[in-house]
Amino acid sequence: MAPDRRTFLQLAGGVWLIPGVSPAWEVRELVRGGGLGRVVFCRASAGHAGWLRFLLDGATPVCERIAGDELVLCGTDATLVVNRYGYRRFA
């Protein structure tokens, strides 16, 4: 029996959270390790806003909703842009 579309999407989404397989863990370690400094502001699309709790270790900064499909974290030392293609850090 072939899995339905919902099961497939849940499995594919879960792969994004496997340590060592996904850039999500690299981004999380970068943010929590102080690579951005203190995160003071963010801009997030509706689809990416849910990832803030996973990435940040503490209080959520002021966050502005945007139409684009990305998450932008502005820290005191650098800015991080995360989208479906990966991430970029601007110092």
C-alpha atoms as a PDB file:
ATOM      1  CA  MET A   1       0.000   0.000   0.000  1.00  0.00           C
ATOM      2  CA  ALA A   2       1.478   3.341  -1.060  1.00  0.00           C
ATOM      3  CA  PRO A   3       1.480   6.135   1.517  1.00  0.00           C
ATOM      4  CA  ASP A   4      -0.900   8.996   0.957  1.00  0.00           C
ATOM      5  CA  ARG A   5       0.213  12.562   0.237  1.00  0.00           C
ATOM      6  CA  ARG A   6      -0.147  13.680   3.874  1.00  0.00           C
ATOM      7  CA  THR A   7       2.082  10.877   5.178  1.00  0.00           C
ATOM      8  CA  PHE A   8       4.692  11.650   2.542  1.00  0.00           C
ATOM      9  CA  LEU A   9       4.735  15.364   3.412  1.00  0.00           C
ATOM     10  CA  GLN A  10       5.015  14.644   7.139  1.00  0.00           C
ATOM     11  CA  LEU A  11       7.978  12.351   6.499  1.00  0.00           C
ATOM     12  CA  ALA A  12       9.655  14.847   4.166  1.00  0.00           C
ATOM     13  CA  GLY A  13       9.170  17.634   6.707  1.00  0.00           C
ATOM     14  CA  GLY A  14      10.589  15.447   9.454  1.00  0.00           C
ATOM     15  CA  VAL A  15      13.788  14.837   7.481  1.00  0.00           C
ATOM     16  CA  TRP A  16      14.477  18.580   7.746  1.00  0.00           C
ATOM     17  CA  LEU A  17      14.860  18.093  11.508  1.00  0.00           C
ATOM     18  CA  ILE A  18      17.307  15.166  11.490  1.00  0.00           C
ATOM     19  CA  PRO A  19      20.659  16.315  12.907  1.00  0.00           C
ATOM     20  CA  GLY A  20      23.462  16.158  10.348  1.00  0.00           C
ATOM     21  CA  VAL A  21      21.081  15.869   7.393  1.00  0.00           C
ATOM     22  CA  SER A  22      19.647  19.328   7.334  1.00  0.00           C
ATOM     23  CA  PRO A  23      20.915  22.908   7.406  1.00  0.00           C
ATOM     24  CA  ALA A  24      18.285  23.658  10.080  1.00  0.00           C
ATOM     25  CA  TRP A  25      20.654  22.350  12.744  1.00  0.00           C
ATOM     26  CA  GLU A  26      23.545  24.421  11.387  1.00  0.00           C
ATOM     27  CA  VAL A  27      21.385  27.537  11.534  1.00  0.00           C
ATOM     28  CA  ARG A  28      20.226  26.672  15.047  1.00  0.00           C
ATOM     29  CA  GLU A  29      23.788  26.213  16.297  1.00  0.00           C
ATOM     30  CA  LEU A  30      24.880  29.429  14.586  1.00  0.00           C
ATOM     31  CA  VAL A  31      22.100  31.418  16.272  1.00  0.00           C
ATOM     32  CA  ARG A  32      22.312  29.766  19.694  1.00  0.00           C
ATOM     33  CA  GLY A  33      26.114  29.812  19.644  1.00  0.00           C
ATOM     34  CA  GLY A  34      26.182  33.591  19.366  1.00  0.00           C
ATOM     35  CA  GLY A  35      27.115  33.834  15.691  1.00  0.00           C
ATOM     36  CA  LEU A  36      24.689  36.721  15.257  1.00  0.00           C
ATOM     37  CA  GLY A  37      25.158  38.349  18.622  1.00  0.00           C
ATOM     38  CA  ARG A  38      21.920  39.077  20.461  1.00  0.00           C
ATOM     39  CA  VAL A  39      18.958  38.727  18.072  1.00  0.00           C
ATOM     40  CA  VAL A  40      16.978  41.944  18.411  1.00  0.00           C
ATOM     41  CA  PHE A  41      14.641  41.955  15.387  1.00  0.00           C
ATOM     42  CA  CYS A  42      13.258  39.544  12.813  1.00  0.00           C
ATOM     43  CA  ARG A  43      11.221  39.574   9.641  1.00  0.00           C
ATOM     44  CA  ALA A  44       9.345  36.391   8.831  1.00  0.00           C
ATOM     45  CA  SER A  45       6.817  35.071   6.358  1.00  0.00           C
ATOM     46  CA  ALA A  46       3.849  33.184   7.759  1.00  0.00           C
ATOM     47  CA  GLY A  47       5.461  29.863   6.831  1.00  0.00           C
ATOM     48  CA  HIS A  48       8.762  30.609   8.562  1.00  0.00           C
ATOM     49  CA  ALA A  49       7.515  32.310  11.741  1.00  0.00           C
ATOM     50  CA  GLY A  50       6.974  28.939  13.399  1.00  0.00           C
ATOM     51  CA  TRP A  51      10.701  28.170  13.200  1.00  0.00           C
ATOM     52  CA  LEU A  52      11.601  30.969  15.621  1.00  0.00           C
ATOM     53  CA  ARG A  53      10.988  28.790  18.673  1.00  0.00           C
ATOM     54  CA  PHE A  54      13.246  26.072  17.202  1.00  0.00           C
ATOM     55  CA  LEU A  55      16.068  28.463  16.295  1.00  0.00           C
ATOM     56  CA  LEU A  56      16.083  30.811  19.268  1.00  0.00           C
ATOM     57  CA  ASP A  57      16.990  29.954  22.822  1.00  0.00           C
ATOM     58  CA  GLY A  58      14.990  32.466  24.800  1.00  0.00           C
ATOM     59  CA  ALA A  59      12.589  35.287  24.207  1.00  0.00           C
ATOM     60  CA  THR A  60      11.338  35.981  20.698  1.00  0.00           C
ATOM     61  CA  PRO A  61      12.441  39.387  19.388  1.00  0.00           C
ATOM     62  CA  VAL A  62      10.165  41.942  17.775  1.00  0.00           C
ATOM     63  CA  CYS A  63       9.038  40.270  14.560  1.00  0.00           C
ATOM     64  CA  GLU A  64       7.559  41.868  11.453  1.00  0.00           C
ATOM     65  CA  ARG A  65       5.510  39.772   9.008  1.00  0.00           C
ATOM     66  CA  ILE A  66       6.641  39.899   5.380  1.00  0.00           C
ATOM     67  CA  ALA A  67       5.189  38.615   2.129  1.00  0.00           C
ATOM     68  CA  GLY A  68       8.391  36.912   0.924  1.00  0.00           C
ATOM     69  CA  ASP A  69       9.152  33.273   1.679  1.00  0.00           C
ATOM     70  CA  GLU A  70      12.029  33.745   4.138  1.00  0.00           C
ATOM     71  CA  LEU A  71      13.123  34.415   7.689  1.00  0.00           C
ATOM     72  CA  VAL A  72      15.497  37.284   8.485  1.00  0.00           C
ATOM     73  CA  LEU A  73      17.151  37.447  11.922  1.00  0.00           C
ATOM     74  CA  CYS A  74      18.913  40.700  12.752  1.00  0.00           C
ATOM     75  CA  GLY A  75      21.483  40.383  15.481  1.00  0.00           C
ATOM     76  CA  THR A  76      23.849  42.855  17.082  1.00  0.00           C
ATOM     77  CA  ASP A  77      26.824  41.351  15.163  1.00  0.00           C
ATOM     78  CA  ALA A  78      25.330  39.931  11.939  1.00  0.00           C
ATOM     79  CA  THR A  79      22.158  39.301   9.946  1.00  0.00           C
ATOM     80  CA  LEU A  80      20.968  35.855   8.900  1.00  0.00           C
ATOM     81  CA  VAL A  81      18.615  35.157   5.983  1.00  0.00           C
ATOM     82  CA  VAL A  82      17.014  31.699   5.817  1.00  0.00           C
ATOM     83  CA  ASN A  83      14.877  30.482   2.927  1.00  0.00           C
ATOM     84  CA  ARG A  84      14.071  27.194   1.208  1.00  0.00           C
ATOM     85  CA  TYR A  85      17.415  27.216  -0.617  1.00  0.00           C
ATOM     86  CA  GLY A  86      19.556  27.500   2.530  1.00  0.00           C
ATOM     87  CA  TYR A  87      20.907  30.366   4.553  1.00  0.00           C
ATOM     88  CA  ARG A  88      23.247  33.356   4.241  1.00  0.00           C
ATOM     89  CA  ARG A  89      25.019  35.274   6.994  1.00  0.00           C
ATOM     90  CA  PHE A  90      25.928  38.924   6.532  1.00  0.00           C
ATOM     91  CA  ALA A  91      28.412  40.395   9.014  1.00  0.00           C
END
